[in-house]
C-alpha atoms as a PDB file:
ATOM      1  CA  MET A   1      11.906  36.686  14.748  1.00  0.00           C
ATOM      2  CA  LYS A   2      12.769  37.250  18.374  1.00  0.00           C
ATOM      3  CA  LYS A   3      16.105  36.152  19.781  1.00  0.00           C
ATOM      4  CA  ARG A   4      14.360  33.777  22.162  1.00  0.00           C
ATOM      5  CA  ASP A   5      12.388  32.142  19.331  1.00  0.00           C
ATOM      6  CA  ARG A   6      15.493  31.897  17.174  1.00  0.00           C
ATOM      7  CA  ALA A   7      17.439  30.247  20.012  1.00  0.00           C
ATOM      8  CA  LEU A   8      14.590  27.784  20.574  1.00  0.00           C
ATOM      9  CA  LEU A   9      14.473  26.981  16.858  1.00  0.00           C
ATOM     10  CA  ILE A  10      18.218  26.372  16.717  1.00  0.00           C
ATOM     11  CA  ALA A  11      18.092  24.191  19.841  1.00  0.00           C
ATOM     12  CA  LEU A  12      15.232  22.108  18.392  1.00  0.00           C
ATOM     13  CA  LEU A  13      17.001  21.709  15.055  1.00  0.00           C
ATOM     14  CA  ALA A  14      20.168  20.609  16.864  1.00  0.00           C
ATOM     15  CA  LEU A  15      18.131  18.107  18.896  1.00  0.00           C
ATOM     16  CA  CYS A  16      16.559  16.730  15.701  1.00  0.00           C
ATOM     17  CA  LEU A  17      19.984  16.399  14.139  1.00  0.00           C
ATOM     18  CA  VAL A  18      21.280  14.511  17.187  1.00  0.00           C
ATOM     19  CA  LEU A  19      18.225  12.210  17.126  1.00  0.00           C
ATOM     20  CA  VAL A  20      18.813  11.406  13.458  1.00  0.00           C
ATOM     21  CA  ILE A  21      22.584  10.931  13.595  1.00  0.00           C
ATOM     22  CA  SER A  22      23.033   9.137  16.935  1.00  0.00           C
ATOM     23  CA  PRO A  23      21.335   5.848  15.916  1.00  0.00           C
ATOM     24  CA  VAL A  24      23.424   5.731  12.742  1.00  0.00           C
ATOM     25  CA  ILE A  25      26.611   6.073  14.769  1.00  0.00           C
ATOM     26  CA  ALA A  26      25.513   3.796  17.618  1.00  0.00           C
ATOM     27  CA  LEU A  27      24.306   0.986  15.345  1.00  0.00           C
ATOM     28  CA  ARG A  28      27.242   0.954  12.963  1.00  0.00           C
ATOM     29  CA  GLY A  29      27.981  -2.633  12.005  1.00  0.00           C
ATOM     30  CA  ALA A  30      24.838  -4.001  13.676  1.00  0.00           C
ATOM     31  CA  GLU A  31      23.072  -6.934  12.078  1.00  0.00           C
ATOM     32  CA  PHE A  32      19.332  -6.738  11.684  1.00  0.00           C
ATOM     33  CA  GLY A  33      17.076  -9.739  11.278  1.00  0.00           C
ATOM     34  CA  GLY A  34      13.408 -10.448  11.363  1.00  0.00           C
ATOM     35  CA  SER A  35      11.470 -12.007  14.200  1.00  0.00           C
ATOM     36  CA  ASP A  36      10.906 -15.125  12.098  1.00  0.00           C
ATOM     37  CA  ASP A  37      14.647 -15.712  11.856  1.00  0.00           C
ATOM     38  CA  ALA A  38      15.193 -15.106  15.561  1.00  0.00           C
ATOM     39  CA  GLY A  39      12.294 -17.399  16.483  1.00  0.00           C
ATOM     40  CA  SER A  40      13.466 -20.274  14.308  1.00  0.00           C
ATOM     41  CA  GLU A  41      17.017 -19.935  15.650  1.00  0.00           C
ATOM     42  CA  LYS A  42      15.730 -20.027  19.246  1.00  0.00           C
ATOM     43  CA  VAL A  43      13.585 -23.114  18.553  1.00  0.00           C
ATOM     44  CA  SER A  44      16.572 -24.868  16.980  1.00  0.00           C
ATOM     45  CA  GLU A  45      18.700 -23.889  19.977  1.00  0.00           C
ATOM     46  CA  ILE A  46      16.178 -25.241  22.504  1.00  0.00           C
ATOM     47  CA  THR A  47      15.189 -28.460  20.737  1.00  0.00           C
ATOM     48  CA  GLY A  48      18.541 -29.189  19.128  1.00  0.00           C
ATOM     49  CA  GLU A  49      16.799 -29.921  15.811  1.00  0.00           C
ATOM     50  CA  GLU A  50      16.414 -27.851  12.677  1.00  0.00           C
ATOM     51  CA  TYR A  51      13.140 -25.906  12.697  1.00  0.00           C
ATOM     52  CA  GLU A  52      10.697 -26.874   9.959  1.00  0.00           C
ATOM     53  CA  PRO A  53       7.804 -24.450   9.322  1.00  0.00           C
ATOM     54  CA  TRP A  54       4.312 -25.948   9.372  1.00  0.00           C
ATOM     55  CA  ALA A  55       3.088 -24.063   6.321  1.00  0.00           C
ATOM     56  CA  THR A  56       4.455 -21.975   3.487  1.00  0.00           C
ATOM     57  CA  PRO A  57       3.154 -18.463   2.802  1.00  0.00           C
ATOM     58  CA  LEU A  58       0.512 -18.201   0.058  1.00  0.00           C
ATOM     59  CA  PHE A  59       2.497 -15.745  -2.052  1.00  0.00           C
ATOM     60  CA  GLU A  60       5.509 -18.041  -1.988  1.00  0.00           C
ATOM     61  CA  GLN A  61       3.314 -20.884  -3.246  1.00  0.00           C
ATOM     62  CA  MET A  62       1.835 -18.710  -6.010  1.00  0.00           C
ATOM     63  CA  LEU A  63       5.183 -17.284  -7.126  1.00  0.00           C
ATOM     64  CA  GLY A  64       7.034 -20.557  -6.770  1.00  0.00           C
ATOM     65  CA  GLY A  65       9.729 -19.088  -4.525  1.00  0.00           C
ATOM     66  CA  GLU A  66      10.543 -16.419  -2.013  1.00  0.00           C
ATOM     67  CA  ILE A  67       8.890 -13.023  -2.375  1.00  0.00           C
ATOM     68  CA  PRO A  68      11.242 -10.252  -3.548  1.00  0.00           C
ATOM     69  CA  GLY A  69      12.040  -7.727  -0.823  1.00  0.00           C
ATOM     70  CA  GLU A  70      10.556  -4.853  -2.821  1.00  0.00           C
ATOM     71  CA  LEU A  71       7.220  -6.636  -3.197  1.00  0.00           C
ATOM     72  CA  GLU A  72       7.200  -7.562   0.475  1.00  0.00           C
ATOM     73  CA  SER A  73       7.811  -3.918   1.412  1.00  0.00           C
ATOM     74  CA  LEU A  74       5.070  -2.785  -0.965  1.00  0.00           C
ATOM     75  CA  LEU A  75       2.543  -5.203   0.536  1.00  0.00           C
ATOM     76  CA  PHE A  76       3.479  -4.073   4.036  1.00  0.00           C
ATOM     77  CA  CYS A  77       3.025  -0.411   3.074  1.00  0.00           C
ATOM     78  CA  VAL A  78      -0.350  -1.127   1.459  1.00  0.00           C
ATOM     79  CA  GLN A  79      -1.457  -3.005   4.580  1.00  0.00           C
ATOM     80  CA  THR A  80      -0.348  -0.078   6.734  1.00  0.00           C
ATOM     81  CA  GLY A  81      -2.154   2.420   4.509  1.00  0.00           C
ATOM     82  CA  VAL A  82      -5.407   0.461   4.629  1.00  0.00           C
ATOM     83  CA  GLY A  83      -5.190   0.162   8.410  1.00  0.00           C
ATOM     84  CA  VAL A  84      -4.540   3.875   8.855  1.00  0.00           C
ATOM     85  CA  GLY A  85      -7.417   4.657   6.492  1.00  0.00           C
ATOM     86  CA  VAL A  86      -9.849   2.512   8.481  1.00  0.00           C
ATOM     87  CA  ILE A  87      -8.774   4.022  11.798  1.00  0.00           C
ATOM     88  CA  ALA A  88      -8.973   7.578  10.405  1.00  0.00           C
ATOM     89  CA  PHE A  89     -12.437   6.886   8.978  1.00  0.00           C
ATOM     90  CA  PHE A  90     -13.835   5.726  12.300  1.00  0.00           C
ATOM     91  CA  LEU A  91     -12.160   8.514  14.268  1.00  0.00           C
ATOM     92  CA  GLY A  92     -13.644  11.016  11.821  1.00  0.00           C
ATOM     93  CA  ARG A  93     -17.068   9.459  12.227  1.00  0.00           C
ATOM     94  CA  PHE A  94     -16.850   9.728  16.007  1.00  0.00           C
ATOM     95  CA  VAL A  95     -15.852  13.395  15.810  1.00  0.00           C
ATOM     96  CA  GLU A  96     -18.642  14.222  13.354  1.00  0.00           C
ATOM     97  CA  ARG A  97     -21.198  12.310  15.418  1.00  0.00           C
ATOM     98  CA  LYS A  98     -20.265  14.374  18.452  1.00  0.00           C
ATOM     99  CA  LYS A  99     -20.660  17.600  16.424  1.00  0.00           C
ATOM    100  CA  TRP A 100     -24.071  16.481  15.104  1.00  0.00           C
ATOM    101  CA  GLN A 101     -25.259  15.609  18.605  1.00  0.00           C
ATOM    102  CA  GLU A 102     -24.104  18.964  19.978  1.00  0.00           C
ATOM    103  CA  ALA A 103     -25.870  20.780  17.122  1.00  0.00           C
ATOM    104  CA  ARG A 104     -29.058  18.775  17.714  1.00  0.00           C
ATOM    105  CA  ASP A 105     -28.930  19.511  21.455  1.00  0.00           C
ATOM    106  CA  THR A 106     -28.468  23.224  20.719  1.00  0.00           C
ATOM    107  CA  GLU A 107     -31.514  23.202  18.382  1.00  0.00           C
ATOM    108  CA  LYS A 108     -33.663  21.459  20.996  1.00  0.00           C
ATOM    109  CA  ARG A 109     -32.803  24.097  23.618  1.00  0.00           C
ATOM    110  CA  SER A 110     -33.780  26.945  21.273  1.00  0.00           C
END
């Protein structure tokens, strides 16, 4: 490995380390909440009344209570995986269609 490549590798690794560690240090003691919580707090602040949701989520009705955090994370990951799969499928189809059209055009010219 050349000295220049080694120096670049070390610099990139140091940058990655800084990018990983700096948010942990900067956000120490920060409180995180969901958008639902922030929205209901803002509505209560503006109207001066306690916010009452219009409907309850289907899973909460089926389970008879709040969804466990692990299950909620699992459902979110499954939803993300399905969405990525659909997008990747269509992108792959577009790429293959372009290849097929180029091959067909090449055959016509011959």
